[in-house]
Amino acid sequence: MEEIFKASRWKDTFAPDEVILSDTGVTFKINEIIGGSENFVFYKDISGIEIDKGLLFATIKVIPRARQEIVIENFTKDDAEKIKAIILSKVQLS
């Protein structure tokens, strides 16, 4: 089962970032008008997750065990909290 969350189109009209939660891990798609990047992290490899809340939007920081943190921006505060809760529940199970 996959669950997909997209960043706000209000901040990035053409290429909003995405977080895709699957049974085994999380895919972070950082989209650009031309190109972008995609990172996959297994739940068992996540050591922490942080949310920085702004006035309207939130930034999600995922801290993997053996590599640089992944930062993905412009999610609604509610979506950021849902993403964090789902990831934390999966991390505790693995």
C-alpha atoms as a PDB file:
ATOM      1  CA  MET A   1       0.000   0.000   0.000  1.00  0.00           C
ATOM      2  CA  GLU A   2       1.391   3.393  -0.967  1.00  0.00           C
ATOM      3  CA  GLU A   3       0.371   6.726   0.448  1.00  0.00           C
ATOM      4  CA  ILE A   4       1.407   9.876  -1.438  1.00  0.00           C
ATOM      5  CA  PHE A   5       1.661  13.373   0.021  1.00  0.00           C
ATOM      6  CA  LYS A   6       2.361  16.382  -2.203  1.00  0.00           C
ATOM      7  CA  ALA A   7       3.748  19.734  -1.169  1.00  0.00           C
ATOM      8  CA  SER A   8       1.680  22.846  -1.619  1.00  0.00           C
ATOM      9  CA  ARG A   9       1.146  24.009  -5.192  1.00  0.00           C
ATOM     10  CA  TRP A  10       0.761  27.513  -3.816  1.00  0.00           C
ATOM     11  CA  LYS A  11       4.512  27.709  -3.119  1.00  0.00           C
ATOM     12  CA  ASP A  12       5.625  25.658  -6.158  1.00  0.00           C
ATOM     13  CA  THR A  13       2.994  25.685  -8.896  1.00  0.00           C
ATOM     14  CA  PHE A  14       4.720  23.500 -11.473  1.00  0.00           C
ATOM     15  CA  ALA A  15       6.687  20.857  -9.602  1.00  0.00           C
ATOM     16  CA  PRO A  16       5.641  20.256  -5.976  1.00  0.00           C
ATOM     17  CA  ASP A  17       7.766  17.850  -3.936  1.00  0.00           C
ATOM     18  CA  GLU A  18       6.345  14.472  -2.915  1.00  0.00           C
ATOM     19  CA  VAL A  19       6.661  11.998  -0.067  1.00  0.00           C
ATOM     20  CA  ILE A  20       5.643   8.448  -0.956  1.00  0.00           C
ATOM     21  CA  LEU A  21       5.156   6.069   1.959  1.00  0.00           C
ATOM     22  CA  SER A  22       5.255   2.364   1.101  1.00  0.00           C
ATOM     23  CA  ASP A  23       5.313  -0.812   3.191  1.00  0.00           C
ATOM     24  CA  THR A  24       9.131  -0.948   3.271  1.00  0.00           C
ATOM     25  CA  GLY A  25      10.286   2.666   3.232  1.00  0.00           C
ATOM     26  CA  VAL A  26       9.887   6.284   2.152  1.00  0.00           C
ATOM     27  CA  THR A  27      10.597   7.881  -1.216  1.00  0.00           C
ATOM     28  CA  PHE A  28      11.335  11.606  -1.274  1.00  0.00           C
ATOM     29  CA  LYS A  29      10.868  13.217  -4.680  1.00  0.00           C
ATOM     30  CA  ILE A  30      12.291  16.716  -4.928  1.00  0.00           C
ATOM     31  CA  ASN A  31      10.928  18.001  -8.209  1.00  0.00           C
ATOM     32  CA  GLU A  32      12.314  20.790 -10.345  1.00  0.00           C
ATOM     33  CA  ILE A  33      10.851  22.207 -13.552  1.00  0.00           C
ATOM     34  CA  ILE A  34      13.649  20.351 -15.332  1.00  0.00           C
ATOM     35  CA  GLY A  35      14.850  17.261 -13.484  1.00  0.00           C
ATOM     36  CA  GLY A  36      14.931  16.770  -9.750  1.00  0.00           C
ATOM     37  CA  SER A  37      16.037  14.050  -7.369  1.00  0.00           C
ATOM     38  CA  GLU A  38      14.570  10.994  -5.717  1.00  0.00           C
ATOM     39  CA  ASN A  39      15.772   9.370  -2.476  1.00  0.00           C
ATOM     40  CA  PHE A  40      14.528   6.121  -0.959  1.00  0.00           C
ATOM     41  CA  VAL A  41      15.110   5.245   2.694  1.00  0.00           C
ATOM     42  CA  PHE A  42      14.082   2.008   4.403  1.00  0.00           C
ATOM     43  CA  TYR A  43      12.166   2.602   7.635  1.00  0.00           C
ATOM     44  CA  LYS A  44      14.798   0.609   9.565  1.00  0.00           C
ATOM     45  CA  ASP A  45      17.465   3.093   8.399  1.00  0.00           C
ATOM     46  CA  ILE A  46      15.689   6.181   9.781  1.00  0.00           C
ATOM     47  CA  SER A  47      17.085   7.447  13.071  1.00  0.00           C
ATOM     48  CA  GLY A  48      14.907  10.557  13.415  1.00  0.00           C
ATOM     49  CA  ILE A  49      12.430  12.952  11.882  1.00  0.00           C
ATOM     50  CA  GLU A  50      11.917  16.647  12.586  1.00  0.00           C
ATOM     51  CA  ILE A  51       9.321  19.178  11.497  1.00  0.00           C
ATOM     52  CA  ASP A  52      10.038  22.894  11.288  1.00  0.00           C
ATOM     53  CA  LYS A  53       6.736  24.752  11.240  1.00  0.00           C
ATOM     54  CA  GLY A  54       6.420  28.145   9.623  1.00  0.00           C
ATOM     55  CA  LEU A  55       3.448  30.445   9.524  1.00  0.00           C
ATOM     56  CA  LEU A  56       1.596  28.427   6.860  1.00  0.00           C
ATOM     57  CA  PHE A  57       3.827  25.541   5.801  1.00  0.00           C
ATOM     58  CA  ALA A  58       6.228  23.024   7.296  1.00  0.00           C
ATOM     59  CA  THR A  59       9.617  21.579   6.385  1.00  0.00           C
ATOM     60  CA  ILE A  60      10.237  17.893   7.037  1.00  0.00           C
ATOM     61  CA  LYS A  61      13.753  16.698   7.901  1.00  0.00           C
ATOM     62  CA  VAL A  62      14.407  12.969   7.893  1.00  0.00           C
ATOM     63  CA  ILE A  63      17.664  11.793   9.436  1.00  0.00           C
ATOM     64  CA  PRO A  64      18.892   8.480   8.006  1.00  0.00           C
ATOM     65  CA  ARG A  65      21.512   6.490   9.919  1.00  0.00           C
ATOM     66  CA  ALA A  66      24.308   6.374   7.344  1.00  0.00           C
ATOM     67  CA  ARG A  67      23.834   9.419   5.143  1.00  0.00           C
ATOM     68  CA  GLN A  68      22.974  13.090   4.978  1.00  0.00           C
ATOM     69  CA  GLU A  69      19.582  14.315   6.196  1.00  0.00           C
ATOM     70  CA  ILE A  70      16.808  14.706   3.628  1.00  0.00           C
ATOM     71  CA  VAL A  71      14.947  18.026   3.667  1.00  0.00           C
ATOM     72  CA  ILE A  72      11.640  18.448   1.880  1.00  0.00           C
ATOM     73  CA  GLU A  73       9.657  21.680   2.064  1.00  0.00           C
ATOM     74  CA  ASN A  74       6.262  23.364   1.695  1.00  0.00           C
ATOM     75  CA  PHE A  75       3.926  20.758   3.152  1.00  0.00           C
ATOM     76  CA  THR A  76       0.861  21.756   5.102  1.00  0.00           C
ATOM     77  CA  LYS A  77       1.334  21.425   8.837  1.00  0.00           C
ATOM     78  CA  ASP A  78      -1.328  18.696   8.975  1.00  0.00           C
ATOM     79  CA  ASP A  79       0.315  16.657   6.208  1.00  0.00           C
ATOM     80  CA  ALA A  80       3.730  17.046   7.864  1.00  0.00           C
ATOM     81  CA  GLU A  81       2.337  15.720  11.158  1.00  0.00           C
ATOM     82  CA  LYS A  82       0.640  12.791   9.366  1.00  0.00           C
ATOM     83  CA  ILE A  83       3.861  11.925   7.530  1.00  0.00           C
ATOM     84  CA  LYS A  84       5.822  12.059  10.787  1.00  0.00           C
ATOM     85  CA  ALA A  85       3.295   9.861  12.618  1.00  0.00           C
ATOM     86  CA  ILE A  86       3.246   7.241   9.864  1.00  0.00           C
ATOM     87  CA  ILE A  87       7.044   7.133   9.590  1.00  0.00           C
ATOM     88  CA  LEU A  88       7.482   6.873  13.368  1.00  0.00           C
ATOM     89  CA  SER A  89       4.946   4.035  13.589  1.00  0.00           C
ATOM     90  CA  LYS A  90       6.759   2.135  10.814  1.00  0.00           C
ATOM     91  CA  VAL A  91      10.203   2.810  12.348  1.00  0.00           C
ATOM     92  CA  GLN A  92       9.047   1.333  15.663  1.00  0.00           C
ATOM     93  CA  LEU A  93       7.753  -1.795  13.906  1.00  0.00           C
ATOM     94  CA  SER A  94      10.977  -2.488  12.013  1.00  0.00           C
END
